[in-house]
Structure formats: C-alpha cells, structure tokens
C-alpha cells in the first residue's frame, strides 16, 4: 500500500483533498432532512453524516456544517425544534442531490427539485412523500465543535413510518429491501447488499449466523 502523510495530503488541490478525506471513512448513511421555518417555508437538505447516538432514549445525530455555509436547516431546528429524516432511494437520488444547491432562504427545495412534502400526525415539519423510511425528531441538544466550527445536532425520536414487511421478528430493519442508499465521498451514491448477520458475540463461543 502507498503511504500518504498529512503533509502530503495538505498540499493537494482542495477539491481532490476533500474527495479523498470524505471517502476515507467509508460508506455513510445519506438522507434528506426536512424542516419548516417559523415563516412557514419548507426546507429540504441532503446530509451524509447521520449517526445513531443511543436507543434508550432513542437519539439520532447529524453534523451541520459551519453556519455561513449551511444556515437554513440548523436555524429552523433551533427556532422550531422539530424536523424529519427521510431515506433516499434510486428513484429520486438526483433530486435529493440537487437539494445541496444553495437556494435562497425563502425558496422551498421541495418545489425546486420536484419532491413532495407530506404532513401527518400533526407534526410541524413535513416528511418526504417519496421516501420509504421516514422518522420525526424533536431537538434535544446542539453541541458546537470548535475545531472546525461545525455542530452536532442531536434529536430525540418521536415518530417512525416504515413498511412492516421489512422489519425482522427481532426488530432489525432490512433497509436493502427498500433500496435505501448510502453515500461515498461528497457526491457518490450506492446501494447495499447483505453479507451476514451474527448472533451476540461472547468469549470462546462460536458465532451463530442469523438469516437476514
């Protein structure tokens, strides 16, 4: 394998460096985060840094870039406290990627990219109608990351909408059955296929395989 030092990486063209570093951590969940401003404008933005924080309470986090670069989603969440996360599928991946464009604050990305806002359970922020996995959150905490002026936004799960058929008997959601996508780097999108699922690991005990 070739060795790349930090000094060498720092000297690369910034776009080449960004692609390299963004893909180094591997495949990442990619979803559309939907918010609604206090003025009633729907906002939709693609995020590829969504992470499970905990199951009890059920917490999900995402990293928001510096405010100057990506202000709308985090501002709406700060002001209103509610938002939804919606999985992306091949049928609308191009539209999902287009939400990364810097539209003005008074413009709804839903309308610009051709996706549809769906309201249900009296939740303030809309869901993405085209998404097969949708969940709603209430803001729990925003943690500034001083090193690069980004923010870890943590939400507590409130509602989930998903087809029962993709949920295993033990609760595992088989997302490959609905072609939920992952991202690679800044602008690459991929599908996944199951390889294996194992039983709970214990010292000096053979692993059992669970059907997916």
Protein backbone atom coordinates (compact mmCIF):
# COMPACT_ATOMS: atom_id res chain seq x y z
CA UNK A 1 0.00 0.00 0.00
CA UNK A 2 1.11 3.55 -0.69
CA UNK A 3 1.75 5.83 2.28
CA UNK A 4 0.26 9.34 2.34
CA UNK A 5 1.49 11.66 5.07
CA UNK A 6 -0.56 14.54 6.47
CA UNK A 7 1.97 16.97 4.98
CA UNK A 8 1.46 15.50 1.51
CA UNK A 9 -2.33 15.47 1.83
CA UNK A 10 -2.34 19.10 2.99
CA UNK A 11 -0.57 20.11 -0.22
CA UNK A 12 -3.14 18.65 -2.60
CA UNK A 13 -5.74 20.61 -4.57
CA UNK A 14 -8.58 21.31 -2.14
CA UNK A 15 -11.24 19.52 -4.19
CA UNK A 16 -9.06 16.43 -4.61
CA UNK A 17 -8.27 16.54 -0.88
CA UNK A 18 -11.94 16.92 0.04
CA UNK A 19 -12.95 13.93 -2.10
CA UNK A 20 -10.13 11.84 -0.63
CA UNK A 21 -10.90 12.63 3.02
CA UNK A 22 -14.67 12.38 2.59
CA UNK A 23 -14.44 8.89 1.13
CA UNK A 24 -11.74 7.67 3.56
CA UNK A 25 -14.25 6.92 6.34
CA UNK A 26 -16.22 4.63 4.05
CA UNK A 27 -19.87 4.36 3.13
CA UNK A 28 -22.22 6.60 5.14
CA UNK A 29 -25.98 6.84 5.61
CA UNK A 30 -27.45 9.53 3.40
CA UNK A 31 -30.86 11.10 3.98
CA UNK A 32 -32.93 14.20 3.42
CA UNK A 33 -33.56 16.37 6.47
CA UNK A 34 -36.79 18.33 6.25
CA UNK A 35 -37.54 21.42 8.32
CA UNK A 36 -40.05 24.25 8.26
CA UNK A 37 -39.23 27.83 9.14
CA UNK A 38 -41.26 29.98 11.50
CA UNK A 39 -42.44 31.83 8.37
CA UNK A 40 -43.87 28.55 7.04
CA UNK A 41 -41.28 27.84 4.33
CA UNK A 42 -40.37 24.17 3.89
CA UNK A 43 -36.66 23.41 3.68
CA UNK A 44 -35.03 20.21 2.44
CA UNK A 45 -31.33 19.35 2.52
CA UNK A 46 -29.23 16.24 1.96
CA UNK A 47 -26.96 15.02 4.78
CA UNK A 48 -24.48 12.14 4.72
CA UNK A 49 -23.24 12.31 8.32
CA UNK A 50 -26.21 10.96 10.26
CA UNK A 51 -25.33 8.75 13.22
CA UNK A 52 -27.10 6.63 15.83
CA UNK A 53 -26.44 8.13 19.29
CA UNK A 54 -28.46 5.84 21.56
CA UNK A 55 -31.51 3.58 21.76
CA UNK A 56 -32.95 4.49 25.18
CA UNK A 57 -33.73 7.29 24.84
CA UNK A 58 -33.75 6.97 21.06
CA UNK A 59 -31.32 9.64 19.82
CA UNK A 60 -30.05 10.38 16.32
CA UNK A 61 -27.38 12.95 15.49
CA UNK A 62 -26.07 14.70 12.41
CA UNK A 63 -23.25 17.12 11.71
CA UNK A 64 -24.21 20.55 10.40
CA UNK A 65 -21.52 22.46 8.57
CA UNK A 66 -20.48 25.97 9.66
CA UNK A 67 -23.44 28.36 9.81
CA UNK A 68 -22.17 30.53 6.95
CA UNK A 69 -22.01 27.51 4.65
CA UNK A 70 -25.27 25.79 5.64
CA UNK A 71 -27.56 28.00 7.73
CA UNK A 72 -31.14 27.04 6.90
CA UNK A 73 -31.55 23.56 8.41
CA UNK A 74 -29.93 24.31 11.75
CA UNK A 75 -31.64 27.69 12.08
CA UNK A 76 -35.06 26.16 11.52
CA UNK A 77 -34.31 23.41 14.03
CA UNK A 78 -33.08 25.92 16.61
CA UNK A 79 -36.16 28.11 16.20
CA UNK A 80 -38.84 25.40 15.89
CA UNK A 81 -37.32 22.28 17.45
CA UNK A 82 -38.82 19.73 15.07
CA UNK A 83 -37.54 18.04 11.91
CA UNK A 84 -37.79 14.82 9.90
CA UNK A 85 -35.21 12.50 8.37
CA UNK A 86 -36.10 10.64 5.18
CA UNK A 87 -34.17 7.86 3.43
CA UNK A 88 -33.16 8.27 -0.19
CA UNK A 89 -33.87 5.70 -2.93
CA UNK A 90 -32.65 5.39 -6.54
CA UNK A 91 -35.93 6.71 -7.98
CA UNK A 92 -35.19 10.23 -6.69
CA UNK A 93 -31.48 10.29 -5.88
CA UNK A 94 -30.77 13.04 -8.45
CA UNK A 95 -33.45 15.26 -6.93
CA UNK A 96 -32.07 14.54 -3.46
CA UNK A 97 -28.57 15.56 -4.55
CA UNK A 98 -29.93 18.79 -6.06
CA UNK A 99 -31.05 19.90 -2.59
CA UNK A 100 -27.36 20.53 -1.82
CA UNK A 101 -27.56 23.62 -4.06
CA UNK A 102 -27.58 26.91 -2.16
CA UNK A 103 -31.12 28.15 -2.65
CA UNK A 104 -32.20 31.40 -1.02
CA UNK A 105 -33.87 31.22 2.38
CA UNK A 106 -37.36 31.99 1.04
CA UNK A 107 -37.32 29.17 -1.52
CA UNK A 108 -38.55 25.64 -0.82
CA UNK A 109 -36.24 22.92 -2.11
CA UNK A 110 -39.26 20.60 -2.31
CA UNK A 111 -40.67 22.70 -5.13
CA UNK A 112 -37.34 23.29 -6.87
CA UNK A 113 -36.31 19.62 -7.07
CA UNK A 114 -39.76 18.11 -7.63
CA UNK A 115 -40.23 16.22 -4.35
CA UNK A 116 -43.43 16.36 -2.31
CA UNK A 117 -43.94 17.49 1.28
CA UNK A 118 -46.18 15.18 3.29
CA UNK A 119 -47.75 16.18 6.60
CA UNK A 120 -49.01 13.63 9.11
CA UNK A 121 -49.63 13.04 12.86
CA UNK A 122 -49.90 16.83 13.25
CA UNK A 123 -46.10 17.09 13.13
CA UNK A 124 -44.83 20.58 12.33
CA UNK A 125 -42.15 19.62 9.78
CA UNK A 126 -43.11 17.71 6.63
CA UNK A 127 -41.91 14.28 5.56
CA UNK A 128 -40.70 13.43 2.05
CA UNK A 129 -43.60 11.59 0.41
CA UNK A 130 -41.31 9.63 -1.92
CA UNK A 131 -39.24 8.17 0.95
CA UNK A 132 -39.99 4.63 2.21
CA UNK A 133 -38.32 5.21 5.59
CA UNK A 134 -39.34 8.38 7.43
CA UNK A 135 -38.84 9.43 11.03
CA UNK A 136 -39.51 12.56 13.05
CA UNK A 137 -37.39 14.08 15.78
CA UNK A 138 -37.51 16.77 18.42
CA UNK A 139 -34.34 18.74 19.10
CA UNK A 140 -32.52 17.52 22.21
CA UNK A 141 -29.16 19.29 22.03
CA UNK A 142 -26.82 21.19 19.72
CA UNK A 143 -23.12 20.76 20.50
CA UNK A 144 -20.62 23.15 18.86
CA UNK A 145 -17.44 21.53 17.55
CA UNK A 146 -14.83 24.25 17.97
CA UNK A 147 -12.11 22.64 15.86
CA UNK A 148 -13.93 23.30 12.56
CA UNK A 149 -16.97 25.41 13.57
CA UNK A 150 -19.46 22.63 12.85
CA UNK A 151 -22.31 21.43 15.08
CA UNK A 152 -23.51 18.05 16.29
CA UNK A 153 -27.31 18.27 16.25
CA UNK A 154 -28.99 15.60 18.40
CA UNK A 155 -32.68 14.79 18.13
CA UNK A 156 -34.97 12.50 20.10
CA UNK A 157 -37.12 10.14 18.08
CA UNK A 158 -40.86 10.87 18.08
CA UNK A 159 -42.43 9.03 15.12
CA UNK A 160 -41.41 6.38 12.56
CA UNK A 161 -43.13 5.49 9.28
CA UNK A 162 -41.97 2.28 7.60
CA UNK A 163 -43.42 -0.82 5.95
CA UNK A 164 -43.89 -3.68 8.40
CA UNK A 165 -42.62 -6.19 5.81
CA UNK A 166 -39.00 -5.02 6.07
CA UNK A 167 -38.85 -5.39 9.87
CA UNK A 168 -37.48 -8.73 11.11
CA UNK A 169 -39.04 -10.61 14.03
CA UNK A 170 -36.35 -9.25 16.35
CA UNK A 171 -36.74 -5.63 15.19
CA UNK A 172 -33.92 -5.36 12.65
CA UNK A 173 -34.88 -3.16 9.69
CA UNK A 174 -33.62 -4.71 6.45
CA UNK A 175 -33.07 -1.50 4.50
CA UNK A 176 -31.74 -3.32 1.45
CA UNK A 177 -35.31 -4.47 0.76
CA UNK A 178 -36.36 -0.89 0.02
CA UNK A 179 -33.06 0.17 -1.62
CA UNK A 180 -32.14 2.77 1.00
CA UNK A 181 -28.96 4.36 -0.31
CA UNK A 182 -25.58 5.18 1.18
CA UNK A 183 -23.06 7.77 0.09
CA UNK A 184 -19.41 7.59 -0.79
CA UNK A 185 -17.48 10.82 -0.53
CA UNK A 186 -19.24 14.07 -1.40
CA UNK A 187 -21.28 13.10 -4.46
CA UNK A 188 -21.28 9.31 -4.88
CA UNK A 189 -24.37 7.21 -4.10
CA UNK A 190 -24.51 3.43 -3.73
CA UNK A 191 -26.81 0.55 -2.87
CA UNK A 192 -26.00 -2.16 -0.34
CA UNK A 193 -26.46 -5.92 -0.26
CA UNK A 194 -26.49 -8.09 2.90
CA UNK A 195 -23.46 -10.28 3.59
CA UNK A 196 -24.01 -11.79 7.04
CA UNK A 197 -25.67 -11.26 10.39
CA UNK A 198 -24.25 -12.85 13.54
CA UNK A 199 -25.55 -13.64 16.99
CA UNK A 200 -24.33 -11.73 20.04
CA UNK A 201 -20.59 -12.36 20.41
CA UNK A 202 -19.28 -13.99 23.59
CA UNK A 203 -15.72 -15.00 24.50
CA UNK A 204 -14.75 -18.55 23.46
CA UNK A 205 -18.11 -19.27 21.84
CA UNK A 206 -18.70 -19.95 18.16
CA UNK A 207 -20.66 -17.29 16.33
CA UNK A 208 -24.13 -18.24 15.18
CA UNK A 209 -25.47 -16.85 11.91
CA UNK A 210 -28.88 -15.18 11.72
CA UNK A 211 -30.86 -15.07 8.50
CA UNK A 212 -31.43 -11.64 7.02
